[in-house]
């Protein structure tokens, strides 16, 4: 084929393909628009400050640095004498020893009463501020899209759009070999 013939046929072929298909936009009449709502939760946090009183226990021991061994010595001697007087025979030595030990313990406790006393426990109130928070659900209706029914050349169609198109919606029209295809287009 001659190169000139190829160059001439190519534009003619393109023109013949476009003659069968035409693309354009037009306006279609809107029949109805229905807003579609979604419920969205926007929780709200509420905080406040409370004054709280708690009790703290403190233990206080008697401050007696004086410890005396005199009570134990006197109690041991007294207990030993009493034990020796109670015991008889071979058990006299054991009774004397037991009396001396028991007497020493009792004498020590009597002489150093404050040293062995129970600690003093106090409950003191402590007040502090505490932040408390609570979340409340808050739902509201939000329109996210619109269901649009439109009419173009006697035929009805429908589309979902993110906006309300008003009384007319732009549609794309494609005519292929006499048949017409209509699709909504963005503004």
N, C-alpha and C. Protein backbone atom coordinates (compact mmCIF):
# COMPACT_ATOMS: atom_id res chain seq x y z
N UNK A 1 0.85 -1.16 0.00
CA UNK A 1 0.00 0.00 0.00
C UNK A 1 0.90 1.23 0.00
N UNK A 2 0.49 2.20 -0.70
CA UNK A 2 1.25 3.44 -0.84
C UNK A 2 1.15 4.23 0.48
N UNK A 3 2.27 4.86 0.97
CA UNK A 3 2.24 5.60 2.24
C UNK A 3 1.21 6.71 2.25
N UNK A 4 0.95 7.35 1.14
CA UNK A 4 -0.03 8.41 1.08
C UNK A 4 -1.43 7.87 1.34
N UNK A 5 -1.73 6.68 0.86
CA UNK A 5 -3.05 6.06 1.05
C UNK A 5 -3.28 5.77 2.53
N UNK A 6 -2.23 5.29 3.24
CA UNK A 6 -2.36 5.00 4.67
C UNK A 6 -2.70 6.26 5.46
N UNK A 7 -2.06 7.36 5.16
CA UNK A 7 -2.32 8.62 5.87
C UNK A 7 -3.72 9.14 5.60
N UNK A 8 -4.26 8.89 4.48
CA UNK A 8 -5.59 9.36 4.13
C UNK A 8 -6.65 8.49 4.79
N UNK A 9 -6.43 7.19 4.89
CA UNK A 9 -7.43 6.28 5.46
C UNK A 9 -7.56 6.42 6.97
N UNK A 10 -6.47 6.74 7.65
CA UNK A 10 -6.50 6.82 9.11
C UNK A 10 -7.48 7.89 9.60
N UNK A 11 -7.44 9.14 9.13
CA UNK A 11 -8.43 10.12 9.59
C UNK A 11 -9.85 9.75 9.19
N UNK A 12 -10.02 9.14 8.05
CA UNK A 12 -11.36 8.73 7.63
C UNK A 12 -11.92 7.65 8.54
N UNK A 13 -11.06 6.73 8.98
CA UNK A 13 -11.48 5.66 9.88
C UNK A 13 -11.90 6.25 11.23
N UNK A 14 -11.15 7.21 11.74
CA UNK A 14 -11.48 7.86 13.02
C UNK A 14 -12.79 8.62 12.91
N UNK A 15 -13.02 9.31 11.81
CA UNK A 15 -14.26 10.04 11.64
C UNK A 15 -15.46 9.12 11.57
N UNK A 16 -15.29 7.98 10.95
CA UNK A 16 -16.42 7.04 10.84
C UNK A 16 -16.75 6.44 12.20
N UNK A 17 -15.75 6.22 13.09
CA UNK A 17 -16.02 5.67 14.42
C UNK A 17 -16.75 6.72 15.26
N UNK A 18 -16.40 7.99 15.15
CA UNK A 18 -17.04 9.03 15.94
C UNK A 18 -18.45 9.32 15.44
N UNK A 19 -18.72 9.03 14.18
CA UNK A 19 -20.05 9.27 13.64
C UNK A 19 -21.06 8.37 14.32
N UNK A 20 -20.65 7.17 14.77
CA UNK A 20 -21.56 6.23 15.42
C UNK A 20 -21.72 6.52 16.90
N UNK A 21 -20.81 7.25 17.54
CA UNK A 21 -20.88 7.50 18.98
C UNK A 21 -20.69 8.99 19.24
N UNK A 22 -21.62 9.58 20.00
CA UNK A 22 -21.52 10.99 20.36
C UNK A 22 -21.62 11.09 21.88
N UNK A 23 -20.76 11.89 22.49
CA UNK A 23 -20.74 12.09 23.94
C UNK A 23 -21.07 13.54 24.23
N UNK A 24 -22.08 13.80 25.12
CA UNK A 24 -22.36 15.16 25.53
C UNK A 24 -23.08 15.12 26.87
N UNK A 25 -23.20 16.29 27.50
CA UNK A 25 -23.94 16.37 28.76
C UNK A 25 -25.18 17.21 28.54
N UNK A 26 -26.18 16.94 29.37
CA UNK A 26 -27.44 17.66 29.27
C UNK A 26 -28.01 17.76 30.68
N UNK A 27 -29.08 18.49 30.85
CA UNK A 27 -29.72 18.62 32.16
C UNK A 27 -31.00 17.80 32.15
N UNK A 28 -31.22 17.04 33.25
CA UNK A 28 -32.43 16.24 33.40
C UNK A 28 -33.25 16.83 34.53
N UNK A 29 -34.57 16.69 34.44
CA UNK A 29 -35.47 17.20 35.46
C UNK A 29 -35.45 16.27 36.67
N UNK A 30 -35.31 16.84 37.86
CA UNK A 30 -35.33 16.05 39.10
C UNK A 30 -36.77 15.84 39.51
N UNK A 31 -37.14 14.58 39.70
CA UNK A 31 -38.50 14.22 40.10
C UNK A 31 -38.62 14.27 41.63
N UNK A 32 -37.63 13.67 42.33
CA UNK A 32 -37.66 13.68 43.79
C UNK A 32 -36.24 13.58 44.34
N UNK A 33 -36.06 14.16 45.53
CA UNK A 33 -34.79 14.10 46.24
C UNK A 33 -35.11 13.66 47.67
N UNK A 34 -34.49 12.56 48.10
CA UNK A 34 -34.70 12.07 49.46
C UNK A 34 -33.37 12.10 50.20
N UNK A 35 -33.27 12.93 51.25
CA UNK A 35 -32.03 12.93 52.03
C UNK A 35 -31.92 11.63 52.83
N UNK A 36 -30.77 11.00 52.80
CA UNK A 36 -30.54 9.76 53.55
C UNK A 36 -29.70 10.11 54.78
N UNK A 37 -30.27 9.85 55.94
CA UNK A 37 -29.63 10.25 57.20
C UNK A 37 -28.90 9.07 57.83
N UNK A 38 -27.81 9.40 58.47
CA UNK A 38 -27.07 8.44 59.29
C UNK A 38 -27.00 9.04 60.69
N UNK A 39 -27.05 8.18 61.68
CA UNK A 39 -26.92 8.67 63.05
C UNK A 39 -25.46 8.53 63.48
N UNK A 40 -24.91 9.64 63.91
CA UNK A 40 -23.49 9.72 64.28
C UNK A 40 -23.41 10.03 65.77
N UNK A 41 -22.57 9.28 66.46
CA UNK A 41 -22.38 9.50 67.89
C UNK A 41 -21.21 10.47 68.09
N UNK A 42 -21.48 11.54 68.78
CA UNK A 42 -20.45 12.50 69.16
C UNK A 42 -20.45 12.57 70.68
N UNK A 43 -19.75 11.61 71.33
CA UNK A 43 -19.81 11.57 72.80
C UNK A 43 -19.25 12.84 73.42
N UNK A 44 -19.86 13.20 74.54
CA UNK A 44 -19.46 14.40 75.27
C UNK A 44 -18.94 13.94 76.63
N UNK A 45 -17.79 14.45 77.01
CA UNK A 45 -17.18 14.08 78.29
C UNK A 45 -17.41 15.21 79.28
N UNK A 46 -17.95 14.82 80.43
CA UNK A 46 -18.25 15.79 81.47
C UNK A 46 -17.36 15.48 82.67
N UNK A 47 -16.63 16.47 83.15
CA UNK A 47 -15.72 16.28 84.29
C UNK A 47 -16.06 17.27 85.40
N UNK A 48 -15.84 16.86 86.62
CA UNK A 48 -16.06 17.72 87.77
C UNK A 48 -15.06 17.33 88.87
N UNK A 49 -14.92 18.20 89.86
CA UNK A 49 -13.99 17.96 90.96
C UNK A 49 -14.78 17.75 92.24
N UNK A 50 -14.45 16.68 92.93
CA UNK A 50 -15.09 16.38 94.21
C UNK A 50 -14.05 16.47 95.32
N UNK A 51 -14.52 16.87 96.50
CA UNK A 51 -13.66 16.87 97.67
C UNK A 51 -13.93 15.59 98.43
N UNK A 52 -12.89 14.80 98.63
CA UNK A 52 -13.02 13.48 99.27
C UNK A 52 -12.23 13.49 100.57
N UNK A 53 -12.86 12.99 101.61
CA UNK A 53 -12.18 12.86 102.90
C UNK A 53 -11.94 11.39 103.18
N UNK A 54 -10.69 11.05 103.38
CA UNK A 54 -10.30 9.68 103.72
C UNK A 54 -9.60 9.73 105.07
N UNK A 55 -9.53 8.59 105.71
CA UNK A 55 -8.88 8.53 107.02
C UNK A 55 -7.58 7.75 106.90
N UNK A 56 -6.55 8.34 107.47
CA UNK A 56 -5.23 7.72 107.46
C UNK A 56 -4.90 7.37 108.90
N UNK A 57 -4.51 6.12 109.11
CA UNK A 57 -4.14 5.67 110.46
C UNK A 57 -2.67 5.92 110.70
N UNK A 58 -2.38 6.47 111.88
CA UNK A 58 -0.99 6.66 112.29
C UNK A 58 -0.81 5.93 113.62
N UNK A 59 0.30 5.29 113.75
CA UNK A 59 0.62 4.54 114.96
C UNK A 59 1.71 5.30 115.72
N UNK A 60 1.44 5.53 117.00
CA UNK A 60 2.40 6.27 117.81
C UNK A 60 2.74 5.40 119.02
N UNK A 61 4.00 5.13 119.15
CA UNK A 61 4.46 4.35 120.30
C UNK A 61 4.87 5.30 121.42
N UNK A 62 4.72 4.81 122.65
CA UNK A 62 5.14 5.62 123.79
C UNK A 62 6.64 5.84 123.69
N UNK A 63 7.03 7.06 123.84
CA UNK A 63 8.46 7.34 123.76
C UNK A 63 9.06 7.26 125.17
N UNK A 64 9.45 6.07 125.54
CA UNK A 64 10.06 5.86 126.85
C UNK A 64 11.41 5.21 126.61
N UNK A 65 12.42 6.02 126.64
CA UNK A 65 13.76 5.49 126.41
C UNK A 65 14.33 4.85 127.68
N UNK A 66 13.63 5.00 128.78
CA UNK A 66 14.12 4.45 130.04
C UNK A 66 13.72 3.00 130.16
N UNK A 67 14.69 2.16 130.24
CA UNK A 67 14.43 0.75 130.51
C UNK A 67 15.23 0.39 131.75
N UNK A 68 14.56 -0.22 132.72
CA UNK A 68 15.22 -0.56 133.98
C UNK A 68 15.25 -2.07 134.15
N UNK A 69 16.34 -2.58 134.58
CA UNK A 69 16.44 -4.01 134.87
C UNK A 69 16.19 -4.32 136.33
N UNK A 70 15.92 -3.28 137.14
CA UNK A 70 15.72 -3.46 138.58
C UNK A 70 14.50 -4.32 138.87
N UNK A 71 13.43 -4.13 138.14
CA UNK A 71 12.21 -4.92 138.37
C UNK A 71 12.45 -6.39 138.12
N UNK A 72 13.25 -6.71 137.08
CA UNK A 72 13.55 -8.11 136.79
C UNK A 72 14.40 -8.73 137.90
N UNK A 73 15.35 -7.98 138.43
CA UNK A 73 16.21 -8.49 139.49
C UNK A 73 15.40 -8.73 140.76
N UNK A 74 14.62 -7.77 141.14
CA UNK A 74 13.82 -7.91 142.37
C UNK A 74 12.79 -9.02 142.19
N UNK A 75 12.13 -9.05 141.01
CA UNK A 75 11.15 -10.11 140.75
C UNK A 75 11.78 -11.48 140.73
N UNK A 76 13.01 -11.58 140.20
CA UNK A 76 13.71 -12.88 140.15
C UNK A 76 14.05 -13.38 141.55
N UNK A 77 14.51 -12.46 142.39
CA UNK A 77 14.86 -12.86 143.78
C UNK A 77 13.60 -13.28 144.53
N UNK A 78 12.55 -12.48 144.40
CA UNK A 78 11.30 -12.79 145.10
C UNK A 78 10.73 -14.11 144.60
N UNK A 79 10.74 -14.33 143.32
CA UNK A 79 10.22 -15.57 142.75
C UNK A 79 11.05 -16.77 143.16
N UNK A 80 12.37 -16.58 143.22
CA UNK A 80 13.24 -17.67 143.66
C UNK A 80 12.98 -18.06 145.10
N UNK A 81 12.79 -17.09 145.98
CA UNK A 81 12.50 -17.35 147.39
C UNK A 81 11.18 -18.08 147.53
N UNK A 82 10.17 -17.61 146.78
CA UNK A 82 8.86 -18.27 146.85
C UNK A 82 8.92 -19.68 146.29
N UNK A 83 9.63 -19.87 145.21
CA UNK A 83 9.77 -21.20 144.61
C UNK A 83 10.51 -22.15 145.53
N UNK A 84 11.55 -21.64 146.23
CA UNK A 84 12.31 -22.47 147.15
C UNK A 84 11.45 -22.90 148.33
N UNK A 85 10.55 -22.00 148.77
CA UNK A 85 9.66 -22.32 149.90
C UNK A 85 8.59 -23.30 149.49
N UNK A 86 8.18 -23.33 148.25
CA UNK A 86 7.10 -24.22 147.80
C UNK A 86 7.67 -25.61 147.51
N UNK A 87 8.84 -25.64 146.92
CA UNK A 87 9.41 -26.92 146.51
C UNK A 87 9.94 -27.72 147.70
N UNK A 88 10.10 -29.04 147.48
CA UNK A 88 10.64 -29.89 148.54
C UNK A 88 11.49 -30.99 147.91
N UNK A 89 12.45 -31.47 148.60
CA UNK A 89 13.30 -32.57 148.13
C UNK A 89 14.09 -32.18 146.89
N UNK A 90 14.15 -33.19 145.96
CA UNK A 90 14.90 -32.94 144.72
C UNK A 90 14.24 -31.91 143.81
N UNK A 91 12.97 -31.63 143.99
CA UNK A 91 12.25 -30.67 143.15
C UNK A 91 12.40 -29.25 143.63
N UNK A 92 13.10 -29.09 144.79
CA UNK A 92 13.25 -27.75 145.34
C UNK A 92 14.10 -26.87 144.40
N UNK A 93 15.13 -27.40 143.84
CA UNK A 93 15.99 -26.62 142.92
C UNK A 93 15.23 -26.19 141.67
N UNK A 94 14.43 -27.11 141.14
CA UNK A 94 13.63 -26.78 139.94
C UNK A 94 12.59 -25.74 140.27
N UNK A 95 11.95 -25.83 141.44
CA UNK A 95 10.93 -24.87 141.85
C UNK A 95 11.57 -23.51 142.08
N UNK A 96 12.79 -23.49 142.62
CA UNK A 96 13.49 -22.23 142.84
C UNK A 96 13.82 -21.57 141.50
N UNK A 97 14.32 -22.36 140.55
CA UNK A 97 14.66 -21.82 139.22
C UNK A 97 13.43 -21.31 138.50
N UNK A 98 12.35 -22.10 138.53
CA UNK A 98 11.11 -21.69 137.85
C UNK A 98 10.57 -20.43 138.50
N UNK A 99 10.57 -20.35 139.81
CA UNK A 99 10.08 -19.15 140.50
C UNK A 99 10.92 -17.94 140.16
N UNK A 100 12.25 -18.11 140.05
CA UNK A 100 13.13 -16.99 139.72
C UNK A 100 12.83 -16.47 138.32
N UNK A 101 12.63 -17.37 137.34
CA UNK A 101 12.33 -16.95 135.95
C UNK A 101 10.98 -16.25 135.88
N UNK A 102 9.97 -16.85 136.47
CA UNK A 102 8.63 -16.25 136.43
C UNK A 102 8.64 -14.91 137.17
N UNK A 103 9.28 -14.84 138.29
CA UNK A 103 9.36 -13.60 139.06
C UNK A 103 10.09 -12.52 138.29
N UNK A 104 11.17 -12.88 137.57
CA UNK A 104 11.92 -11.89 136.78
C UNK A 104 11.05 -11.31 135.67
N UNK A 105 10.26 -12.17 135.01
CA UNK A 105 9.38 -11.69 133.92
C UNK A 105 8.32 -10.76 134.49
N UNK A 106 7.68 -11.16 135.57
CA UNK A 106 6.62 -10.33 136.16
C UNK A 106 7.20 -9.03 136.68
N UNK A 107 8.32 -9.07 137.34
CA UNK A 107 8.94 -7.85 137.86
C UNK A 107 9.34 -6.89 136.75
N UNK A 108 9.86 -7.44 135.66
CA UNK A 108 10.26 -6.59 134.52
C UNK A 108 9.04 -5.90 133.92
N UNK A 109 7.94 -6.62 133.75
CA UNK A 109 6.73 -6.04 133.16
C UNK A 109 6.13 -4.96 134.06
N UNK A 110 6.16 -5.19 135.36
CA UNK A 110 5.61 -4.19 136.28
C UNK A 110 6.48 -2.94 136.27
N UNK A 111 7.78 -3.11 136.32
CA UNK A 111 8.70 -1.97 136.38
C UNK A 111 8.71 -1.17 135.07
N UNK A 112 8.58 -1.83 133.94
CA UNK A 112 8.67 -1.19 132.62
C UNK A 112 7.33 -1.22 131.88
N UNK A 113 6.27 -0.90 132.63
CA UNK A 113 4.91 -0.92 132.06
C UNK A 113 4.81 -0.09 130.77
N UNK A 114 5.31 1.12 130.78
CA UNK A 114 5.21 2.02 129.63
C UNK A 114 6.03 1.51 128.45
N UNK A 115 7.10 0.83 128.72
CA UNK A 115 7.95 0.33 127.65
C UNK A 115 7.22 -0.76 126.85
N UNK A 116 6.40 -1.55 127.52
CA UNK A 116 5.68 -2.64 126.87
C UNK A 116 4.24 -2.27 126.51
N UNK A 117 3.85 -1.02 126.63
CA UNK A 117 2.46 -0.64 126.38
C UNK A 117 2.13 -0.75 124.88
N UNK A 118 0.85 -0.89 124.61
CA UNK A 118 0.36 -0.99 123.23
C UNK A 118 0.52 0.37 122.55
N UNK A 119 0.77 0.39 121.27
CA UNK A 119 0.92 1.68 120.59
C UNK A 119 -0.44 2.39 120.50
N UNK A 120 -0.39 3.69 120.40
CA UNK A 120 -1.60 4.49 120.25
C UNK A 120 -1.87 4.64 118.74
N UNK A 121 -3.05 4.24 118.30
CA UNK A 121 -3.42 4.32 116.89
C UNK A 121 -4.40 5.48 116.73
N UNK A 122 -4.06 6.38 115.84
CA UNK A 122 -4.93 7.53 115.58
C UNK A 122 -5.42 7.48 114.14
N UNK A 123 -6.67 7.88 113.95
CA UNK A 123 -7.23 8.02 112.60
C UNK A 123 -7.39 9.51 112.33
N UNK A 124 -6.62 9.99 111.37
CA UNK A 124 -6.65 11.41 111.04
C UNK A 124 -7.31 11.61 109.68
N UNK A 125 -8.25 12.57 109.59
CA UNK A 125 -8.89 12.82 108.29
C UNK A 125 -7.92 13.53 107.34
N UNK A 126 -7.94 13.08 106.09
CA UNK A 126 -7.14 13.70 105.03
C UNK A 126 -8.11 14.06 103.91
N UNK A 127 -8.14 15.35 103.56
CA UNK A 127 -9.05 15.82 102.52
C UNK A 127 -8.24 16.14 101.28
N UNK A 128 -8.76 15.68 100.11
CA UNK A 128 -8.09 15.95 98.85
C UNK A 128 -9.13 16.11 97.75
N UNK A 129 -8.73 16.74 96.66
CA UNK A 129 -9.62 16.94 95.50
C UNK A 129 -9.39 15.82 94.50
N UNK A 130 -10.50 15.28 93.99
CA UNK A 130 -10.44 14.19 93.02
C UNK A 130 -11.26 14.59 91.80
N UNK A 131 -10.67 14.41 90.60
CA UNK A 131 -11.40 14.71 89.37
C UNK A 131 -12.13 13.45 88.91
N UNK A 132 -13.41 13.59 88.67
CA UNK A 132 -14.25 12.50 88.18
C UNK A 132 -14.76 12.88 86.79
N UNK A 133 -14.85 11.90 85.90
CA UNK A 133 -15.33 12.15 84.54
C UNK A 133 -16.35 11.09 84.14
N UNK A 134 -17.25 11.48 83.26
CA UNK A 134 -18.27 10.56 82.74
C UNK A 134 -18.54 10.95 81.29
N UNK A 135 -18.70 9.96 80.43
CA UNK A 135 -19.00 10.22 79.02
C UNK A 135 -20.49 10.02 78.76
N UNK A 136 -21.06 10.94 78.00
CA UNK A 136 -22.47 10.85 77.62
C UNK A 136 -22.54 10.70 76.10
N UNK A 137 -23.29 9.71 75.63
CA UNK A 137 -23.48 9.55 74.18
C UNK A 137 -24.41 10.65 73.69
N UNK A 138 -24.05 11.20 72.54
CA UNK A 138 -24.87 12.25 71.94
C UNK A 138 -24.98 11.93 70.45
N UNK A 139 -26.14 11.41 70.07
CA UNK A 139 -26.37 11.04 68.67
C UNK A 139 -27.08 12.18 67.96
N UNK A 140 -26.69 12.38 66.71
CA UNK A 140 -27.38 13.36 65.88
C UNK A 140 -27.48 12.81 64.45
N UNK A 141 -28.52 13.24 63.77
CA UNK A 141 -28.75 12.79 62.40
C UNK A 141 -27.95 13.66 61.45
N UNK A 142 -27.22 13.02 60.55
CA UNK A 142 -26.40 13.72 59.57
C UNK A 142 -26.78 13.21 58.18
N UNK A 143 -27.02 14.14 57.25
CA UNK A 143 -27.33 13.76 55.87
C UNK A 143 -26.00 13.57 55.15
N UNK A 144 -25.74 12.33 54.72
CA UNK A 144 -24.48 12.02 54.04
C UNK A 144 -24.64 11.97 52.53
N UNK A 145 -25.86 11.63 52.05
CA UNK A 145 -26.09 11.56 50.61
C UNK A 145 -27.58 11.69 50.33
N UNK A 146 -27.89 11.82 49.04
CA UNK A 146 -29.27 12.05 48.61
C UNK A 146 -29.63 11.02 47.54
N UNK A 147 -30.84 10.48 47.66
CA UNK A 147 -31.36 9.59 46.63
C UNK A 147 -32.15 10.47 45.66
N UNK A 148 -31.66 10.54 44.42
CA UNK A 148 -32.24 11.45 43.43
C UNK A 148 -32.90 10.63 42.32
N UNK A 149 -34.16 10.92 42.06
CA UNK A 149 -34.89 10.31 40.93
C UNK A 149 -35.05 11.43 39.89
N UNK A 150 -34.65 11.14 38.65
CA UNK A 150 -34.70 12.17 37.60
C UNK A 150 -35.41 11.60 36.37
N UNK A 151 -35.83 12.54 35.47
CA UNK A 151 -36.49 12.14 34.23
C UNK A 151 -35.76 12.82 33.08
N UNK A 152 -35.39 11.99 32.06
CA UNK A 152 -34.72 12.53 30.88
C UNK A 152 -35.33 11.85 29.65
N UNK A 153 -35.86 12.63 28.74
CA UNK A 153 -36.49 12.14 27.51
C UNK A 153 -37.54 11.08 27.80
N UNK A 154 -38.37 11.31 28.83
CA UNK A 154 -39.47 10.41 29.13
C UNK A 154 -39.07 9.18 29.94
N UNK A 155 -37.80 8.98 30.22
CA UNK A 155 -37.36 7.82 31.02
C UNK A 155 -36.89 8.30 32.39
N UNK A 156 -37.18 7.48 33.41
CA UNK A 156 -36.74 7.82 34.76
C UNK A 156 -35.48 7.04 35.11
N UNK A 157 -34.65 7.68 35.88
CA UNK A 157 -33.43 7.04 36.39
C UNK A 157 -33.22 7.49 37.83
N UNK A 158 -32.29 6.86 38.49
CA UNK A 158 -32.01 7.24 39.89
C UNK A 158 -30.51 7.19 40.14
N UNK A 159 -30.09 7.96 41.11
CA UNK A 159 -28.67 8.04 41.45
C UNK A 159 -28.55 8.51 42.90
N UNK A 160 -27.44 8.17 43.54
CA UNK A 160 -27.13 8.65 44.89
C UNK A 160 -26.03 9.69 44.76
N UNK A 161 -26.28 10.88 45.26
CA UNK A 161 -25.32 11.98 45.15
C UNK A 161 -24.96 12.50 46.54
N UNK A 162 -23.76 13.05 46.72
CA UNK A 162 -23.38 13.60 48.02
C UNK A 162 -23.95 15.01 48.26
N UNK A 163 -24.77 15.52 47.34
CA UNK A 163 -25.35 16.85 47.47
C UNK A 163 -26.76 16.83 46.91
N UNK A 164 -27.56 17.84 47.27
CA UNK A 164 -28.91 18.01 46.74
C UNK A 164 -28.78 18.77 45.43
N UNK A 165 -29.14 18.15 44.30
CA UNK A 165 -28.90 18.81 43.01
C UNK A 165 -29.88 19.94 42.69
N UNK A 166 -30.96 20.07 43.43
CA UNK A 166 -31.93 21.11 43.12
C UNK A 166 -32.98 20.58 42.14
N UNK A 167 -33.43 21.43 41.20
CA UNK A 167 -34.51 21.04 40.29
C UNK A 167 -34.01 20.29 39.05
N UNK A 168 -32.70 20.38 38.78
CA UNK A 168 -32.15 19.69 37.62
C UNK A 168 -30.81 19.05 37.99
N UNK A 169 -30.50 17.96 37.31
CA UNK A 169 -29.24 17.27 37.54
C UNK A 169 -28.54 17.11 36.19
N UNK A 170 -27.24 17.29 36.16
CA UNK A 170 -26.47 17.14 34.93
C UNK A 170 -26.29 15.64 34.66
N UNK A 171 -26.57 15.24 33.43
CA UNK A 171 -26.42 13.84 33.02
C UNK A 171 -25.51 13.77 31.80
N UNK A 172 -24.77 12.69 31.74
CA UNK A 172 -23.95 12.45 30.56
C UNK A 172 -24.73 11.57 29.60
N UNK A 173 -24.78 11.97 28.34
CA UNK A 173 -25.55 11.24 27.33
C UNK A 173 -24.57 10.68 26.32
N UNK A 174 -24.73 9.41 26.03
CA UNK A 174 -23.87 8.78 25.04
C UNK A 174 -24.78 8.07 24.05
N UNK A 175 -24.68 8.47 22.80
CA UNK A 175 -25.51 7.87 21.76
C UNK A 175 -24.63 6.96 20.92
N UNK A 176 -24.94 5.68 20.94
CA UNK A 176 -24.17 4.71 20.14
C UNK A 176 -25.13 4.03 19.19
N UNK A 177 -24.92 4.24 17.91
CA UNK A 177 -25.73 3.64 16.86
C UNK A 177 -27.23 3.80 17.13
N UNK A 178 -27.64 5.00 17.48
CA UNK A 178 -29.06 5.27 17.66
C UNK A 178 -29.57 5.00 19.06
N UNK A 179 -28.85 4.22 19.87
CA UNK A 179 -29.29 3.96 21.25
C UNK A 179 -28.71 5.05 22.14
N UNK A 180 -29.43 5.38 23.20
CA UNK A 180 -29.00 6.47 24.08
C UNK A 180 -28.75 5.92 25.49
N UNK A 181 -27.59 6.25 26.07
CA UNK A 181 -27.26 5.86 27.44
C UNK A 181 -27.11 7.14 28.26
N UNK A 182 -27.76 7.20 29.44
CA UNK A 182 -27.74 8.41 30.27
C UNK A 182 -27.14 8.06 31.62
N UNK A 183 -26.17 8.85 32.06
CA UNK A 183 -25.57 8.67 33.39
C UNK A 183 -25.44 10.04 34.03
N UNK A 184 -25.78 10.15 35.33
CA UNK A 184 -25.62 11.43 36.02
C UNK A 184 -24.14 11.79 36.13
N UNK A 185 -23.85 13.06 36.10
CA UNK A 185 -22.49 13.57 36.19
C UNK A 185 -22.40 14.53 37.37
N UNK A 186 -21.20 14.67 37.88
CA UNK A 186 -20.97 15.66 38.93
C UNK A 186 -21.13 17.04 38.32
N UNK A 187 -21.37 18.02 39.12
CA UNK A 187 -21.62 19.39 38.65
C UNK A 187 -20.55 19.86 37.74
